[in-house]
N, C-alpha and C. Protein backbone atom coordinates (compact mmCIF):
# COMPACT_ATOMS: atom_id res chain seq x y z
N MET A 1 -12.36 8.39 12.89
CA MET A 1 -11.44 7.67 12.06
C MET A 1 -10.26 8.59 11.74
N LYS A 2 -9.06 8.07 11.92
CA LYS A 2 -7.86 8.88 11.73
C LYS A 2 -7.14 8.63 10.42
N ALA A 3 -7.28 7.43 9.84
CA ALA A 3 -6.59 7.12 8.58
C ALA A 3 -7.23 5.89 7.96
N MET A 4 -6.96 5.71 6.66
CA MET A 4 -7.43 4.52 5.95
C MET A 4 -6.24 3.95 5.19
N PHE A 5 -6.02 2.66 5.38
CA PHE A 5 -4.95 1.96 4.68
C PHE A 5 -5.59 0.86 3.84
N TRP A 6 -5.15 0.73 2.61
CA TRP A 6 -5.70 -0.25 1.69
C TRP A 6 -4.57 -1.13 1.19
N LEU A 7 -4.76 -2.44 1.25
CA LEU A 7 -3.77 -3.39 0.75
C LEU A 7 -4.38 -4.16 -0.40
N ASP A 8 -3.69 -4.20 -1.50
CA ASP A 8 -4.14 -4.95 -2.67
C ASP A 8 -3.01 -5.87 -3.10
N ILE A 9 -3.25 -7.16 -3.01
CA ILE A 9 -2.26 -8.14 -3.45
C ILE A 9 -2.99 -9.14 -4.33
N ARG A 10 -2.68 -9.11 -5.61
CA ARG A 10 -3.32 -9.98 -6.58
C ARG A 10 -2.27 -10.59 -7.48
N SER A 11 -2.74 -11.19 -8.55
CA SER A 11 -1.79 -11.70 -9.52
C SER A 11 -1.10 -10.52 -10.20
N GLY A 12 -0.12 -10.81 -10.99
CA GLY A 12 0.64 -9.74 -11.61
C GLY A 12 1.72 -9.24 -10.69
N THR A 13 2.10 -10.05 -9.69
CA THR A 13 3.15 -9.62 -8.78
C THR A 13 4.45 -9.45 -9.53
N THR A 14 5.32 -8.65 -8.99
CA THR A 14 6.57 -8.31 -9.66
C THR A 14 7.62 -9.39 -9.46
N GLY A 15 7.37 -10.35 -8.57
CA GLY A 15 8.37 -11.36 -8.30
C GLY A 15 9.32 -10.94 -7.19
N GLU A 16 9.26 -9.71 -6.78
CA GLU A 16 10.08 -9.19 -5.69
C GLU A 16 9.17 -8.87 -4.51
N LYS A 17 9.78 -8.79 -3.35
CA LYS A 17 9.00 -8.35 -2.20
C LYS A 17 9.04 -6.84 -2.20
N GLU A 18 8.15 -6.23 -3.00
CA GLU A 18 8.10 -4.78 -3.09
C GLU A 18 6.66 -4.33 -2.98
N VAL A 19 6.52 -3.05 -2.67
CA VAL A 19 5.20 -2.47 -2.52
C VAL A 19 5.21 -1.09 -3.18
N PHE A 20 4.13 -0.79 -3.86
CA PHE A 20 3.92 0.54 -4.43
C PHE A 20 3.02 1.29 -3.45
N VAL A 21 3.49 2.42 -2.93
CA VAL A 21 2.72 3.18 -1.96
C VAL A 21 2.04 4.33 -2.69
N VAL A 22 0.72 4.24 -2.80
CA VAL A 22 -0.04 5.28 -3.50
C VAL A 22 -0.57 6.25 -2.44
N GLY A 23 -0.29 7.51 -2.66
CA GLY A 23 -0.69 8.55 -1.72
C GLY A 23 0.51 9.23 -1.09
N SER A 24 1.70 8.77 -1.45
CA SER A 24 2.91 9.32 -0.85
C SER A 24 3.10 10.80 -1.18
N SER A 25 2.63 11.24 -2.33
CA SER A 25 2.78 12.65 -2.68
C SER A 25 1.77 13.53 -1.94
N VAL A 26 0.66 12.93 -1.50
CA VAL A 26 -0.38 13.67 -0.80
C VAL A 26 -0.14 13.65 0.71
N ARG A 27 0.35 12.53 1.22
CA ARG A 27 0.58 12.36 2.66
C ARG A 27 2.03 11.93 2.92
N PRO A 28 3.00 12.82 2.64
CA PRO A 28 4.40 12.42 2.81
C PRO A 28 4.78 12.07 4.25
N SER A 29 4.20 12.74 5.24
CA SER A 29 4.56 12.41 6.64
C SER A 29 4.06 11.03 7.02
N LEU A 30 2.90 10.63 6.54
CA LEU A 30 2.39 9.29 6.80
C LEU A 30 3.24 8.25 6.06
N THR A 31 3.66 8.59 4.88
CA THR A 31 4.51 7.69 4.10
C THR A 31 5.86 7.50 4.78
N GLN A 32 6.39 8.57 5.37
CA GLN A 32 7.67 8.46 6.07
C GLN A 32 7.60 7.46 7.22
N ILE A 33 6.49 7.43 7.92
CA ILE A 33 6.32 6.44 8.99
C ILE A 33 6.44 5.05 8.40
N SER A 34 5.75 4.82 7.31
CA SER A 34 5.75 3.51 6.67
C SER A 34 7.14 3.13 6.16
N ARG A 35 7.84 4.09 5.58
CA ARG A 35 9.15 3.80 4.97
C ARG A 35 10.17 3.28 5.97
N LYS A 36 10.08 3.72 7.21
CA LYS A 36 11.10 3.27 8.16
C LYS A 36 10.96 1.79 8.52
N PHE A 37 9.83 1.17 8.18
CA PHE A 37 9.64 -0.25 8.46
C PHE A 37 9.95 -1.14 7.25
N LEU A 38 10.14 -0.54 6.09
CA LEU A 38 10.37 -1.33 4.88
C LEU A 38 11.61 -2.21 4.99
N GLU A 39 12.75 -1.60 5.26
CA GLU A 39 14.00 -2.35 5.31
C GLU A 39 13.99 -3.45 6.37
N PRO A 40 13.56 -3.16 7.61
CA PRO A 40 13.53 -4.24 8.61
C PRO A 40 12.65 -5.43 8.20
N LEU A 41 11.62 -5.17 7.40
CA LEU A 41 10.74 -6.24 6.94
C LEU A 41 11.21 -6.86 5.62
N GLY A 42 12.29 -6.32 5.07
CA GLY A 42 12.82 -6.85 3.82
C GLY A 42 11.97 -6.52 2.61
N ILE A 43 11.29 -5.38 2.67
CA ILE A 43 10.40 -4.96 1.59
C ILE A 43 11.04 -3.78 0.87
N LYS A 44 11.02 -3.82 -0.45
CA LYS A 44 11.54 -2.74 -1.28
C LYS A 44 10.37 -1.85 -1.69
N GLU A 45 10.58 -0.54 -1.69
CA GLU A 45 9.54 0.37 -2.17
C GLU A 45 9.63 0.45 -3.69
N GLY A 46 8.53 0.19 -4.35
CA GLY A 46 8.48 0.28 -5.80
C GLY A 46 8.53 1.73 -6.25
N ARG A 47 8.62 1.90 -7.54
CA ARG A 47 8.69 3.26 -8.09
C ARG A 47 7.44 4.05 -7.68
N ASN A 48 7.56 5.35 -7.74
CA ASN A 48 6.44 6.21 -7.40
C ASN A 48 5.43 6.19 -8.55
N ILE A 49 4.22 5.72 -8.25
CA ILE A 49 3.18 5.64 -9.28
C ILE A 49 2.01 6.57 -8.96
N ASP A 50 2.23 7.52 -8.07
CA ASP A 50 1.15 8.44 -7.70
C ASP A 50 0.54 9.15 -8.90
N SER A 51 1.38 9.61 -9.81
CA SER A 51 0.85 10.40 -10.93
C SER A 51 -0.13 9.61 -11.78
N SER A 52 0.04 8.29 -11.85
CA SER A 52 -0.88 7.48 -12.65
C SER A 52 -1.94 6.77 -11.82
N SER A 53 -1.78 6.76 -10.49
CA SER A 53 -2.68 5.96 -9.67
C SER A 53 -3.44 6.74 -8.61
N ILE A 54 -3.07 7.97 -8.35
CA ILE A 54 -3.67 8.71 -7.24
C ILE A 54 -5.17 8.86 -7.40
N GLU A 55 -5.64 9.01 -8.62
CA GLU A 55 -7.07 9.15 -8.84
C GLU A 55 -7.74 7.83 -9.21
N PHE A 56 -6.95 6.78 -9.44
CA PHE A 56 -7.50 5.48 -9.78
C PHE A 56 -8.00 4.80 -8.51
N GLY A 57 -9.10 4.14 -8.61
CA GLY A 57 -9.62 3.41 -7.46
C GLY A 57 -10.54 4.25 -6.62
N LYS A 58 -11.71 3.81 -6.49
CA LYS A 58 -12.73 4.58 -5.78
C LYS A 58 -12.72 4.30 -4.27
N ASN A 59 -11.91 3.37 -3.82
CA ASN A 59 -11.91 2.98 -2.41
C ASN A 59 -11.49 4.12 -1.50
N ARG A 60 -10.59 4.95 -1.95
CA ARG A 60 -10.05 6.00 -1.08
C ARG A 60 -10.80 7.32 -1.16
N HIS A 61 -11.56 7.54 -2.21
CA HIS A 61 -12.18 8.85 -2.41
C HIS A 61 -13.11 9.30 -1.29
N PRO A 62 -14.00 8.47 -0.75
CA PRO A 62 -14.85 8.95 0.35
C PRO A 62 -14.04 9.41 1.56
N PHE A 63 -12.90 8.76 1.80
CA PHE A 63 -12.06 9.13 2.93
C PHE A 63 -11.36 10.47 2.66
N ARG A 64 -10.82 10.60 1.47
CA ARG A 64 -10.15 11.85 1.11
C ARG A 64 -11.10 13.03 1.13
N GLU A 65 -12.33 12.81 0.68
CA GLU A 65 -13.32 13.88 0.69
C GLU A 65 -13.60 14.38 2.10
N LYS A 66 -13.44 13.52 3.09
CA LYS A 66 -13.66 13.88 4.50
C LYS A 66 -12.36 14.34 5.18
N GLY A 67 -11.25 14.41 4.41
CA GLY A 67 -9.99 14.86 4.98
C GLY A 67 -9.24 13.79 5.75
N ILE A 68 -9.61 12.53 5.58
CA ILE A 68 -8.95 11.43 6.28
C ILE A 68 -7.76 10.97 5.45
N PRO A 69 -6.57 10.92 6.03
CA PRO A 69 -5.39 10.48 5.29
C PRO A 69 -5.55 9.03 4.80
N THR A 70 -5.09 8.78 3.59
CA THR A 70 -5.15 7.44 3.03
C THR A 70 -3.82 7.07 2.41
N LEU A 71 -3.46 5.81 2.52
CA LEU A 71 -2.34 5.23 1.79
C LEU A 71 -2.80 3.90 1.23
N ASP A 72 -2.47 3.66 -0.02
CA ASP A 72 -2.74 2.37 -0.64
C ASP A 72 -1.41 1.65 -0.79
N PHE A 73 -1.40 0.39 -0.41
CA PHE A 73 -0.22 -0.45 -0.55
C PHE A 73 -0.52 -1.48 -1.62
N LEU A 74 0.07 -1.30 -2.80
CA LEU A 74 -0.16 -2.22 -3.90
C LEU A 74 1.01 -3.19 -3.97
N ALA A 75 0.71 -4.45 -3.75
CA ALA A 75 1.75 -5.46 -3.75
C ALA A 75 1.86 -6.16 -5.09
N SER A 76 1.17 -5.65 -6.05
CA SER A 76 1.17 -6.22 -7.39
C SER A 76 1.67 -5.18 -8.37
N ASP A 77 2.13 -5.66 -9.49
CA ASP A 77 2.49 -4.74 -10.56
C ASP A 77 1.20 -4.08 -11.01
N PRO A 78 1.09 -2.77 -10.90
CA PRO A 78 -0.17 -2.09 -11.22
C PRO A 78 -0.67 -2.38 -12.64
N ARG A 79 0.25 -2.70 -13.55
CA ARG A 79 -0.18 -2.99 -14.93
C ARG A 79 -0.92 -4.31 -15.04
N GLY A 80 -0.74 -5.21 -14.06
CA GLY A 80 -1.39 -6.51 -14.13
C GLY A 80 -2.61 -6.65 -13.24
N MET A 81 -2.99 -5.56 -12.60
CA MET A 81 -4.10 -5.64 -11.66
C MET A 81 -5.43 -5.75 -12.39
N LEU A 82 -6.37 -6.34 -11.72
CA LEU A 82 -7.73 -6.52 -12.23
C LEU A 82 -7.73 -7.28 -13.54
N ALA A 83 -6.82 -8.22 -13.66
CA ALA A 83 -6.73 -9.03 -14.86
C ALA A 83 -7.54 -10.30 -14.71
N SER A 84 -7.85 -10.90 -15.81
CA SER A 84 -8.64 -12.13 -15.78
C SER A 84 -7.87 -13.27 -15.14
N ARG A 85 -6.55 -13.12 -14.98
CA ARG A 85 -5.75 -14.18 -14.37
C ARG A 85 -5.72 -14.12 -12.84
N ASP A 86 -6.45 -13.19 -12.24
CA ASP A 86 -6.51 -13.11 -10.78
C ASP A 86 -7.09 -14.40 -10.23
N ARG A 87 -6.29 -15.12 -9.47
CA ARG A 87 -6.70 -16.38 -8.86
C ARG A 87 -6.12 -16.45 -7.44
N PRO A 88 -6.85 -17.05 -6.51
CA PRO A 88 -6.32 -17.15 -5.14
C PRO A 88 -4.96 -17.84 -5.07
N GLU A 89 -4.73 -18.81 -5.91
CA GLU A 89 -3.46 -19.54 -5.86
C GLU A 89 -2.27 -18.69 -6.35
N SER A 90 -2.55 -17.53 -6.92
CA SER A 90 -1.46 -16.67 -7.37
C SER A 90 -0.99 -15.70 -6.28
N ILE A 91 -1.63 -15.72 -5.13
CA ILE A 91 -1.26 -14.81 -4.03
C ILE A 91 -0.02 -15.33 -3.34
N ASP A 92 0.93 -14.47 -3.11
CA ASP A 92 2.14 -14.78 -2.36
C ASP A 92 1.83 -14.49 -0.89
N PHE A 93 1.50 -15.54 -0.14
CA PHE A 93 1.05 -15.35 1.25
C PHE A 93 2.15 -14.88 2.18
N GLU A 94 3.40 -15.21 1.90
CA GLU A 94 4.50 -14.69 2.72
C GLU A 94 4.59 -13.17 2.55
N LYS A 95 4.49 -12.73 1.31
CA LYS A 95 4.51 -11.29 1.03
C LYS A 95 3.29 -10.61 1.66
N LEU A 96 2.15 -11.25 1.58
CA LEU A 96 0.94 -10.71 2.20
C LEU A 96 1.14 -10.53 3.70
N GLY A 97 1.74 -11.51 4.35
CA GLY A 97 2.01 -11.41 5.79
C GLY A 97 2.94 -10.25 6.12
N ASP A 98 4.00 -10.10 5.34
CA ASP A 98 4.95 -9.01 5.60
C ASP A 98 4.32 -7.65 5.35
N LEU A 99 3.49 -7.54 4.34
CA LEU A 99 2.82 -6.27 4.07
C LEU A 99 1.76 -5.95 5.12
N THR A 100 1.13 -6.98 5.64
CA THR A 100 0.18 -6.78 6.73
C THR A 100 0.91 -6.23 7.96
N LYS A 101 2.11 -6.76 8.24
CA LYS A 101 2.93 -6.24 9.34
C LYS A 101 3.29 -4.78 9.09
N LEU A 102 3.65 -4.47 7.84
CA LEU A 102 4.00 -3.09 7.49
C LEU A 102 2.84 -2.14 7.79
N ILE A 103 1.65 -2.52 7.38
CA ILE A 103 0.50 -1.66 7.61
C ILE A 103 0.19 -1.56 9.10
N TYR A 104 0.29 -2.68 9.81
CA TYR A 104 0.04 -2.66 11.25
C TYR A 104 1.02 -1.70 11.94
N LEU A 105 2.31 -1.84 11.65
CA LEU A 105 3.32 -0.98 12.29
C LEU A 105 3.11 0.49 11.94
N THR A 106 2.77 0.75 10.68
CA THR A 106 2.50 2.13 10.25
C THR A 106 1.30 2.69 11.00
N ALA A 107 0.22 1.92 11.04
CA ALA A 107 -0.99 2.38 11.72
C ALA A 107 -0.75 2.59 13.21
N TYR A 108 -0.06 1.63 13.83
CA TYR A 108 0.19 1.73 15.27
C TYR A 108 0.99 3.00 15.60
N GLU A 109 2.06 3.23 14.84
CA GLU A 109 2.87 4.43 15.13
C GLU A 109 2.08 5.70 14.85
N PHE A 110 1.34 5.73 13.76
CA PHE A 110 0.55 6.91 13.42
C PHE A 110 -0.48 7.20 14.50
N LEU A 111 -1.12 6.16 15.01
CA LEU A 111 -2.19 6.35 15.99
C LEU A 111 -1.67 6.65 17.40
N THR A 112 -0.42 6.30 17.68
CA THR A 112 0.11 6.50 19.02
C THR A 112 1.11 7.64 19.11
N GLU A 113 1.42 8.29 17.97
CA GLU A 113 2.37 9.39 18.05
C GLU A 113 1.74 10.57 18.78
N PRO A 114 2.58 11.32 19.50
CA PRO A 114 2.04 12.45 20.28
C PRO A 114 1.46 13.55 19.41
């Protein structure tokens, strides 16, 4: 396994097509790959929330412990995550599709770079 990418899109969205990339301070070269696809996909990068989110979430820890690079793509306002208002009908499926493309393009380039 070369990398782990996590996408979280729930209620509490910001209303914009933006993504918070968690792990950018730990894996800046991997983040740079991702950043070059943001503008072509019409996605804005949200503020840097690494300082408050890098240790939050247990999904990435087993990978980091093994030295596997991880990036989390949060498509929701982090303050509204895991709220009781999380409902399937609150998901922005167009945004989900664009973020899925972002992760695919990032993973493809990362895995095929020399």
